[in-house]
Amino acid sequence: MRKICIDPVRCPLAHEKSRLKKYDHDHDCDGTWLEGIPDGNDHSIEALRFAIMDDILRG
């Protein structure tokens, strides 16, 4: 999976949230990857992440 497209007509709130947030990943001094998604009102983005997790893990 290379790209995730959120339809702005069918899912306007999820589309807006995906545009407003920066989803960067970083690592700490031990090399452990940290999730850079801030906690908050991001339920639609979390639902999307859980829905596609199997596809992401399969590659």
N, C-alpha and C. Protein backbone atom coordinates (compact mmCIF):
# COMPACT_ATOMS: atom_id res chain seq x y z
N MET A 1 0.85 -1.16 0.00
CA MET A 1 0.00 0.00 0.00
C MET A 1 0.90 1.23 0.00
N ARG A 2 0.71 2.08 -0.97
CA ARG A 2 1.55 3.26 -1.09
C ARG A 2 0.83 4.55 -0.72
N LYS A 3 -0.49 4.54 -0.85
CA LYS A 3 -1.20 5.79 -0.68
C LYS A 3 -2.58 5.52 -0.10
N ILE A 4 -3.01 6.39 0.78
CA ILE A 4 -4.35 6.32 1.35
C ILE A 4 -5.09 7.56 0.89
N CYS A 5 -6.22 7.36 0.25
CA CYS A 5 -7.04 8.48 -0.22
C CYS A 5 -8.34 8.50 0.56
N ILE A 6 -8.63 9.62 1.17
CA ILE A 6 -9.87 9.80 1.92
C ILE A 6 -10.76 10.72 1.09
N ASP A 7 -11.92 10.21 0.70
CA ASP A 7 -12.85 10.95 -0.14
C ASP A 7 -13.42 12.14 0.63
N PRO A 8 -13.18 13.36 0.16
CA PRO A 8 -13.68 14.53 0.88
C PRO A 8 -15.19 14.69 0.84
N VAL A 9 -15.85 14.05 -0.13
CA VAL A 9 -17.32 14.14 -0.22
C VAL A 9 -17.97 13.14 0.73
N ARG A 10 -17.49 11.90 0.72
CA ARG A 10 -18.08 10.86 1.57
C ARG A 10 -17.65 10.96 3.03
N CYS A 11 -16.43 11.41 3.27
CA CYS A 11 -15.88 11.47 4.63
C CYS A 11 -15.23 12.83 4.87
N PRO A 12 -16.03 13.90 4.90
CA PRO A 12 -15.43 15.23 4.99
C PRO A 12 -14.66 15.48 6.29
N LEU A 13 -15.14 14.96 7.40
CA LEU A 13 -14.44 15.19 8.67
C LEU A 13 -13.10 14.45 8.72
N ALA A 14 -13.11 13.20 8.27
CA ALA A 14 -11.85 12.43 8.23
C ALA A 14 -10.86 13.08 7.26
N HIS A 15 -11.37 13.56 6.15
CA HIS A 15 -10.50 14.22 5.16
C HIS A 15 -9.87 15.47 5.76
N GLU A 16 -10.66 16.26 6.45
CA GLU A 16 -10.13 17.48 7.05
C GLU A 16 -9.11 17.17 8.14
N LYS A 17 -9.39 16.17 8.97
CA LYS A 17 -8.44 15.79 10.03
C LYS A 17 -7.14 15.28 9.44
N SER A 18 -7.23 14.53 8.35
CA SER A 18 -6.00 14.00 7.74
C SER A 18 -5.15 15.12 7.15
N ARG A 19 -5.77 16.19 6.73
CA ARG A 19 -5.03 17.33 6.17
C ARG A 19 -4.42 18.21 7.25
N LEU A 20 -5.06 18.26 8.42
CA LEU A 20 -4.61 19.17 9.46
C LEU A 20 -3.44 18.63 10.28
N LYS A 21 -3.32 17.32 10.37
CA LYS A 21 -2.31 16.74 11.25
C LYS A 21 -1.08 16.32 10.47
N LYS A 22 0.02 16.39 11.14
CA LYS A 22 1.28 15.89 10.59
C LYS A 22 1.54 14.55 11.25
N TYR A 23 1.66 13.51 10.45
CA TYR A 23 1.88 12.17 10.98
C TYR A 23 3.32 11.77 10.71
N ASP A 24 4.18 12.20 11.58
CA ASP A 24 5.60 11.89 11.45
C ASP A 24 5.98 10.82 12.45
N HIS A 25 6.94 10.02 12.07
CA HIS A 25 7.47 9.02 12.98
C HIS A 25 8.92 9.38 13.28
N ASP A 26 9.28 9.20 14.51
CA ASP A 26 10.62 9.54 14.94
C ASP A 26 11.11 8.43 15.86
N HIS A 27 12.36 8.46 16.24
CA HIS A 27 12.87 7.45 17.16
C HIS A 27 13.60 8.14 18.31
N ASP A 28 13.67 7.43 19.43
CA ASP A 28 14.36 7.98 20.60
C ASP A 28 15.84 7.62 20.53
N CYS A 29 16.58 7.95 21.59
CA CYS A 29 18.03 7.74 21.57
C CYS A 29 18.41 6.25 21.54
N ASP A 30 17.49 5.35 21.91
CA ASP A 30 17.76 3.91 21.86
C ASP A 30 17.44 3.32 20.49
N GLY A 31 16.89 4.12 19.59
CA GLY A 31 16.52 3.62 18.27
C GLY A 31 15.11 3.09 18.20
N THR A 32 14.35 3.20 19.28
CA THR A 32 12.97 2.74 19.30
C THR A 32 12.10 3.75 18.56
N TRP A 33 11.28 3.24 17.62
CA TRP A 33 10.41 4.14 16.86
C TRP A 33 9.27 4.61 17.73
N LEU A 34 9.02 5.89 17.66
CA LEU A 34 7.94 6.51 18.42
C LEU A 34 6.83 6.91 17.46
N GLU A 35 5.61 6.80 17.93
CA GLU A 35 4.49 7.22 17.12
C GLU A 35 4.26 8.70 17.33
N GLY A 36 4.30 9.47 16.27
CA GLY A 36 4.18 10.92 16.38
C GLY A 36 2.78 11.45 16.24
N ILE A 37 1.78 10.56 16.22
CA ILE A 37 0.41 11.02 16.09
C ILE A 37 -0.06 11.51 17.45
N PRO A 38 -0.42 12.76 17.56
CA PRO A 38 -0.84 13.29 18.86
C PRO A 38 -2.19 12.72 19.29
N ASP A 39 -2.33 12.48 20.59
CA ASP A 39 -3.62 12.04 21.11
C ASP A 39 -4.60 13.19 21.05
N GLY A 40 -5.86 12.85 20.92
CA GLY A 40 -6.86 13.90 20.88
C GLY A 40 -8.09 13.42 20.14
N ASN A 41 -8.73 14.32 19.50
CA ASN A 41 -9.97 14.02 18.79
C ASN A 41 -9.64 13.51 17.39
N ASP A 42 -9.10 12.30 17.32
CA ASP A 42 -8.67 11.73 16.04
C ASP A 42 -9.28 10.34 15.82
N HIS A 43 -10.54 10.19 16.21
CA HIS A 43 -11.18 8.88 16.15
C HIS A 43 -11.30 8.34 14.72
N SER A 44 -11.57 9.20 13.76
CA SER A 44 -11.71 8.72 12.39
C SER A 44 -10.36 8.24 11.84
N ILE A 45 -9.29 8.90 12.21
CA ILE A 45 -7.97 8.49 11.75
C ILE A 45 -7.57 7.17 12.42
N GLU A 46 -7.89 7.03 13.70
CA GLU A 46 -7.62 5.77 14.41
C GLU A 46 -8.41 4.62 13.79
N ALA A 47 -9.67 4.85 13.44
CA ALA A 47 -10.49 3.81 12.81
C ALA A 47 -9.89 3.39 11.47
N LEU A 48 -9.42 4.34 10.71
CA LEU A 48 -8.77 4.04 9.44
C LEU A 48 -7.51 3.22 9.65
N ARG A 49 -6.73 3.60 10.63
CA ARG A 49 -5.48 2.87 10.91
C ARG A 49 -5.77 1.43 11.29
N PHE A 50 -6.75 1.21 12.16
CA PHE A 50 -7.09 -0.16 12.56
C PHE A 50 -7.65 -0.95 11.39
N ALA A 51 -8.41 -0.30 10.51
CA ALA A 51 -9.02 -1.00 9.37
C ALA A 51 -7.97 -1.50 8.38
N ILE A 52 -6.87 -0.78 8.22
CA ILE A 52 -5.87 -1.17 7.22
C ILE A 52 -4.63 -1.80 7.83
N MET A 53 -4.63 -2.06 9.12
CA MET A 53 -3.43 -2.58 9.78
C MET A 53 -2.96 -3.91 9.18
N ASP A 54 -3.87 -4.82 8.88
CA ASP A 54 -3.47 -6.11 8.29
C ASP A 54 -2.78 -5.91 6.94
N ASP A 55 -3.30 -5.00 6.12
CA ASP A 55 -2.68 -4.72 4.82
C ASP A 55 -1.29 -4.13 4.99
N ILE A 56 -1.13 -3.27 5.98
CA ILE A 56 0.17 -2.65 6.23
C ILE A 56 1.18 -3.69 6.68
N LEU A 57 0.78 -4.57 7.57
CA LEU A 57 1.69 -5.59 8.09
C LEU A 57 2.06 -6.62 7.03
N ARG A 58 1.15 -6.90 6.10
CA ARG A 58 1.44 -7.84 5.02
C ARG A 58 2.41 -7.25 4.00
N GLY A 59 2.40 -5.94 3.89
CA GLY A 59 3.30 -5.27 2.95
C GLY A 59 2.72 -5.12 1.65
